[in-house]
């Protein structure tokens, strides 16, 4: 099973549970139970100038990657001013709040796992009261003493085809992965990372024991899932379920990048099941069936 869509800022809505405890907050969800997912909730969040979300906590884990603007993030008992390139993990049960620290709209990718409950089924987000910190300051490297935060810039992108940062993923020609959130970062339920395919790079058909989502940020890629192919570019998203056979190929002349999420957290071994690794057995069994029929 898979699902393809395109992010639309105009379609972003304020989640019902945030109606009375936020100002200027909207979310464009692209993965949840409505698409067939059972393990993750993913979307692009928008916070208008002077916007804020009051202190709250979740009974699930949340990671994020800032795409645009400057935001004040209260995580635990510390406050951080962060901007594009910053990412982080908010562990289950940690109190946090958001406020816009810039004159423009702030956007960030938000990944939640286990999948948040439907509001009519049960609560898993709880508002804790207290003030929202507001500070007019520029983004900087966050103090990570009391929060799981990081920062990415171009110099940190690994060499394509070099040693992989992803546990269980062998180096692949033309492919570079920069891990943001994973087991080594402190995650229990999910991973979040940036991946780049150079022109001509591809990965063969495979599936996983976990779900994945892909938010294209630059370039174009040919994605194939369940035998159907799509030409995806910036703003496009695709989600693949457990067991969905899928592959990617950069057929263009420029690199393609996307932000990828995975849940549940992938195992340390047997992360990929490639069709090519079992093709000789399938052929052998097919030949046996043909001879028996003859």
Protein backbone atom coordinates (compact mmCIF):
# COMPACT_ATOMS: atom_id res chain seq x y z
CA UNK A 1 0.00 0.00 0.00
CA UNK A 2 1.18 3.54 -0.71
CA UNK A 3 -0.15 7.09 -0.99
CA UNK A 4 1.00 10.07 -3.10
CA UNK A 5 -0.04 13.68 -2.55
CA UNK A 6 1.23 17.26 -2.73
CA UNK A 7 1.68 19.69 0.15
CA UNK A 8 -0.67 22.67 -0.06
CA UNK A 9 -0.26 25.53 2.39
CA UNK A 10 -3.79 26.64 1.54
CA UNK A 11 -5.13 23.30 2.77
CA UNK A 12 -3.36 23.50 6.14
CA UNK A 13 -5.80 23.59 9.07
CA UNK A 14 -5.63 24.15 12.81
CA UNK A 15 -6.04 20.73 14.49
CA UNK A 16 -9.15 20.75 16.68
CA UNK A 17 -7.26 20.06 19.88
CA UNK A 18 -5.17 23.23 19.29
CA UNK A 19 -8.13 25.56 18.57
CA UNK A 20 -8.20 27.28 21.99
CA UNK A 21 -4.54 26.89 22.95
CA UNK A 22 -2.77 28.30 19.92
CA UNK A 23 -2.73 31.38 17.72
CA UNK A 24 -1.73 31.34 14.03
CA UNK A 25 -0.97 27.58 14.01
CA UNK A 26 -1.93 25.38 11.04
CA UNK A 27 -0.81 21.92 9.91
CA UNK A 28 -0.87 20.26 6.49
CA UNK A 29 -0.95 16.55 7.32
CA UNK A 30 0.37 14.15 4.69
CA UNK A 31 0.52 10.89 6.63
CA UNK A 32 -2.05 9.61 9.13
CA UNK A 33 -4.62 6.85 9.48
CA UNK A 34 -6.71 8.33 6.64
CA UNK A 35 -3.95 7.39 4.15
CA UNK A 36 -3.67 3.85 5.55
CA UNK A 37 -0.82 4.45 7.98
CA UNK A 38 -0.86 2.80 11.40
CA UNK A 39 2.57 3.85 12.73
CA UNK A 40 3.17 7.55 12.04
CA UNK A 41 1.71 11.03 11.78
CA UNK A 42 3.63 13.46 9.54
CA UNK A 43 2.90 16.97 8.33
CA UNK A 44 4.17 20.47 7.60
CA UNK A 45 3.41 22.95 10.38
CA UNK A 46 2.85 26.68 9.81
CA UNK A 47 3.07 29.33 12.54
CA UNK A 48 2.11 32.90 11.60
CA UNK A 49 3.89 36.03 12.88
CA UNK A 50 3.14 36.45 16.61
CA UNK A 51 1.78 32.93 16.60
CA UNK A 52 2.29 30.47 19.43
CA UNK A 53 1.30 27.06 20.82
CA UNK A 54 0.85 26.84 24.59
CA UNK A 55 2.94 24.39 26.68
CA UNK A 56 1.88 20.78 26.20
CA UNK A 57 3.17 17.22 26.15
CA UNK A 58 2.39 14.04 24.23
CA UNK A 59 2.20 10.34 25.01
CA UNK A 60 4.12 9.82 21.77
CA UNK A 61 7.55 10.85 20.43
CA UNK A 62 7.94 13.88 18.17
CA UNK A 63 10.77 14.96 15.88
CA UNK A 64 11.03 18.09 13.75
CA UNK A 65 13.10 19.83 11.08
CA UNK A 66 12.81 23.61 10.57
CA UNK A 67 12.25 24.55 6.92
CA UNK A 68 11.67 28.31 7.05
CA UNK A 69 11.67 31.16 9.58
CA UNK A 70 12.83 31.47 13.17
CA UNK A 71 11.02 29.82 16.04
CA UNK A 72 11.31 29.89 19.83
CA UNK A 73 11.22 26.31 21.11
CA UNK A 74 10.64 25.66 24.80
CA UNK A 75 11.69 22.07 25.46
CA UNK A 76 11.74 20.93 29.06
CA UNK A 77 13.08 23.78 31.17
CA UNK A 78 15.21 25.38 28.43
CA UNK A 79 14.36 27.72 25.58
CA UNK A 80 16.06 27.77 22.17
CA UNK A 81 15.83 30.11 19.17
CA UNK A 82 16.22 27.94 16.07
CA UNK A 83 15.89 28.35 12.32
CA UNK A 84 16.30 26.53 9.00
CA UNK A 85 18.60 23.52 9.28
CA UNK A 86 17.83 22.88 12.93
CA UNK A 87 16.23 19.58 13.88
CA UNK A 88 15.34 17.88 17.11
CA UNK A 89 13.61 15.16 19.08
CA UNK A 90 11.02 15.73 21.79
CA UNK A 91 10.80 12.58 23.88
CA UNK A 92 7.52 11.14 25.11
CA UNK A 93 6.11 13.14 28.01
CA UNK A 94 8.45 16.16 27.68
CA UNK A 95 6.72 19.51 28.10
CA UNK A 96 7.24 21.92 25.18
CA UNK A 97 5.84 25.03 23.50
CA UNK A 98 6.38 27.02 20.30
CA UNK A 99 6.31 30.72 19.43
CA UNK A 100 7.20 32.59 16.25
CA UNK A 101 10.42 34.55 16.77
CA UNK A 102 10.45 36.21 13.32
CA UNK A 103 8.42 38.59 11.18
CA UNK A 104 7.42 35.90 8.69
CA UNK A 105 5.68 32.54 8.79
CA UNK A 106 7.64 29.67 10.28
CA UNK A 107 7.41 26.22 8.68
CA UNK A 108 8.68 22.93 10.04
CA UNK A 109 8.27 19.26 9.27
CA UNK A 110 6.78 17.36 12.19
CA UNK A 111 6.99 13.58 12.65
CA UNK A 112 5.07 11.77 15.40
CA UNK A 113 5.28 8.11 16.43
CA UNK A 114 3.51 6.04 17.62
CA UNK A 115 0.75 7.47 15.46
CA UNK A 116 -1.35 10.06 17.32
CA UNK A 117 -4.84 8.91 18.23
CA UNK A 118 -7.93 10.25 16.52
CA UNK A 119 -9.49 12.83 18.83
CA UNK A 120 -12.77 10.90 19.06
CA UNK A 121 -10.87 7.77 20.16
CA UNK A 122 -8.75 9.08 23.03
CA UNK A 123 -6.40 11.83 24.19
CA UNK A 124 -2.64 11.68 23.75
CA UNK A 125 -1.84 15.43 23.78
CA UNK A 126 -2.17 17.24 27.11
CA UNK A 127 -1.87 20.99 27.75
CA UNK A 128 0.15 21.79 30.84
CA UNK A 129 -0.52 25.50 31.37
CA UNK A 130 2.12 28.16 31.92
CA UNK A 131 3.52 31.03 29.88
CA UNK A 132 4.91 30.88 26.38
CA UNK A 133 8.44 32.30 26.21
CA UNK A 134 8.87 35.02 23.59
CA UNK A 135 12.25 36.41 22.70
CA UNK A 136 13.29 38.59 19.77
CA UNK A 137 16.59 37.01 18.80
CA UNK A 138 18.23 35.46 15.80
CA UNK A 139 18.75 31.73 15.45
CA UNK A 140 21.95 30.20 16.78
CA UNK A 141 23.40 26.84 17.62
CA UNK A 142 21.05 25.53 20.31
CA UNK A 143 22.22 24.59 23.78
CA UNK A 144 21.59 20.84 23.76
CA UNK A 145 22.33 20.31 27.44
CA UNK A 146 18.67 19.70 28.17
CA UNK A 147 17.26 18.94 24.73
CA UNK A 148 17.92 16.63 21.81
CA UNK A 149 18.73 19.23 19.15
CA UNK A 150 21.04 19.42 16.16
CA UNK A 151 21.94 21.54 13.15
CA UNK A 152 22.62 20.62 9.52
CA UNK A 153 24.48 22.57 6.86
CA UNK A 154 25.86 21.58 3.46
CA UNK A 155 29.31 20.75 4.82
CA UNK A 156 27.81 17.89 6.83
CA UNK A 157 26.35 16.02 3.86
CA UNK A 158 28.35 12.79 3.52
CA UNK A 159 30.09 11.92 0.27
CA UNK A 160 27.74 10.11 -2.09
CA UNK A 161 28.57 6.41 -2.10
CA UNK A 162 30.77 6.78 0.99
CA UNK A 163 30.20 5.13 4.37
CA UNK A 164 26.52 5.23 5.23
CA UNK A 165 25.22 6.99 8.32
CA UNK A 166 22.11 4.81 8.25
CA UNK A 167 22.31 1.67 10.34
CA UNK A 168 21.91 -1.39 8.09
CA UNK A 169 22.20 0.52 4.78
CA UNK A 170 25.16 -0.37 2.58
CA UNK A 171 26.88 2.41 0.60
CA UNK A 172 25.15 2.96 -2.74
CA UNK A 173 26.65 4.78 -5.73
CA UNK A 174 25.40 8.36 -5.95
CA UNK A 175 23.38 8.23 -2.70
CA UNK A 176 24.21 10.25 0.43
CA UNK A 177 22.30 10.11 3.72
CA UNK A 178 22.49 12.58 6.60
CA UNK A 179 20.82 11.14 9.69
CA UNK A 180 19.06 13.65 11.94
CA UNK A 181 17.10 11.52 14.42
CA UNK A 182 17.72 7.83 15.02
CA UNK A 183 18.64 5.36 17.76
CA UNK A 184 22.01 7.01 18.38
CA UNK A 185 20.27 10.39 18.79
CA UNK A 186 17.95 9.04 21.46
CA UNK A 187 14.88 8.00 19.45
CA UNK A 188 12.82 5.01 20.49
CA UNK A 189 10.03 4.96 17.91
CA UNK A 190 11.25 6.68 14.71
CA UNK A 191 13.97 8.05 12.46
CA UNK A 192 14.24 11.29 10.49
CA UNK A 193 16.90 12.11 7.89
CA UNK A 194 17.88 13.86 4.65
CA UNK A 195 18.75 11.80 1.56
CA UNK A 196 20.29 12.93 -1.74
CA UNK A 197 20.42 11.07 -5.07
CA UNK A 198 22.87 12.37 -7.66
CA UNK A 199 21.91 12.15 -11.36
CA UNK A 200 21.76 8.49 -12.39
CA UNK A 201 21.55 7.19 -8.82
CA UNK A 202 18.95 4.55 -8.08
CA UNK A 203 17.97 1.95 -5.54
CA UNK A 204 16.48 -1.39 -6.57
CA UNK A 205 12.97 -2.58 -5.60
CA UNK A 206 12.74 -3.51 -1.92
CA UNK A 207 10.43 -3.41 1.08
CA UNK A 208 10.66 -2.99 4.86
CA UNK A 209 9.12 -4.04 8.16
CA UNK A 210 8.34 -0.36 8.83
CA UNK A 211 6.55 2.56 7.15
CA UNK A 212 8.31 5.42 5.37
CA UNK A 213 7.34 8.89 4.19
CA UNK A 214 9.22 11.10 1.73
CA UNK A 215 8.87 14.90 1.38
CA UNK A 216 10.66 16.09 -1.77
CA UNK A 217 12.54 19.36 -1.17
CA UNK A 218 14.54 19.78 -4.41
CA UNK A 219 15.08 18.09 -7.79
CA UNK A 220 12.93 15.36 -9.31
CA UNK A 221 12.82 11.61 -8.77
CA UNK A 222 11.06 8.66 -10.37
CA UNK A 223 9.36 6.76 -7.54
CA UNK A 224 7.83 3.33 -8.06
CA UNK A 225 5.54 1.74 -5.47
CA UNK A 226 3.35 -1.35 -5.84
CA UNK A 227 4.21 -1.39 -9.55
CA UNK A 228 3.03 2.20 -10.18
CA UNK A 229 5.49 4.98 -11.12
CA UNK A 230 5.39 8.68 -10.29
CA UNK A 231 7.53 11.68 -11.29
CA UNK A 232 7.88 13.63 -8.05
CA UNK A 233 9.28 17.12 -7.42
CA UNK A 234 9.41 19.78 -4.68
CA UNK A 235 6.34 19.72 -2.44
CA UNK A 236 5.33 16.21 -3.49
CA UNK A 237 5.09 13.48 -0.87
CA UNK A 238 4.81 9.71 -0.93
CA UNK A 239 4.15 7.26 1.90
CA UNK A 240 4.85 3.52 1.72
CA UNK A 241 3.40 0.92 4.07
CA UNK A 242 5.04 -2.08 5.66
CA UNK A 243 5.68 -4.58 2.85
CA UNK A 244 5.18 -2.10 -0.01
CA UNK A 245 7.75 -2.88 -2.73
CA UNK A 246 9.23 0.43 -3.87
CA UNK A 247 12.26 1.96 -5.59
CA UNK A 248 13.70 5.35 -6.59
CA UNK A 249 15.73 6.63 -9.54
CA UNK A 250 17.09 10.06 -10.41
CA UNK A 251 16.68 10.29 -14.18
CA UNK A 252 17.30 14.04 -14.30
CA UNK A 253 20.41 16.19 -14.53
CA UNK A 254 20.45 17.62 -11.01
CA UNK A 255 20.51 16.12 -7.51
CA UNK A 256 17.23 15.28 -5.83
CA UNK A 257 16.73 15.58 -2.08
CA UNK A 258 13.98 14.60 0.27
CA UNK A 259 13.32 14.41 4.01
CA UNK A 260 12.41 10.89 5.01
CA UNK A 261 10.73 9.48 8.10
CA UNK A 262 10.48 5.89 9.31
CA UNK A 263 8.35 4.23 11.99
CA UNK A 264 8.59 1.98 13.88
CA UNK A 265 12.33 2.51 14.38
CA UNK A 266 14.09 0.18 11.90
CA UNK A 267 15.88 -2.89 13.28
CA UNK A 268 19.68 -2.94 13.50
CA UNK A 269 19.84 -5.71 10.86
CA UNK A 270 17.80 -6.76 7.81
CA UNK A 271 16.60 -3.20 7.27
CA UNK A 272 16.07 -3.78 3.52
CA UNK A 273 14.59 -6.79 1.73
CA UNK A 274 15.74 -6.46 -1.89
CA UNK A 275 13.86 -8.37 -4.57
CA UNK A 276 17.16 -8.98 -6.41
CA UNK A 277 18.51 -11.05 -3.50
CA UNK A 278 15.76 -13.62 -3.89
CA UNK A 279 15.26 -13.55 -7.67
CA UNK A 280 17.36 -16.70 -8.30
CA UNK A 281 15.18 -18.70 -5.93
CA UNK A 282 12.02 -17.37 -7.53
CA UNK A 283 13.34 -18.40 -10.96
CA UNK A 284 14.29 -21.84 -9.71
CA UNK A 285 10.88 -22.41 -8.16
CA UNK A 286 9.22 -21.10 -11.29
CA UNK A 287 11.16 -23.54 -13.44
CA UNK A 288 10.19 -26.38 -11.09
CA UNK A 289 6.53 -25.50 -11.41
CA UNK A 290 6.80 -25.44 -15.22
CA UNK A 291 8.44 -28.85 -15.33
CA UNK A 292 5.87 -30.33 -12.99
CA UNK A 293 3.07 -28.94 -15.13
CA UNK A 294 4.66 -30.39 -18.25
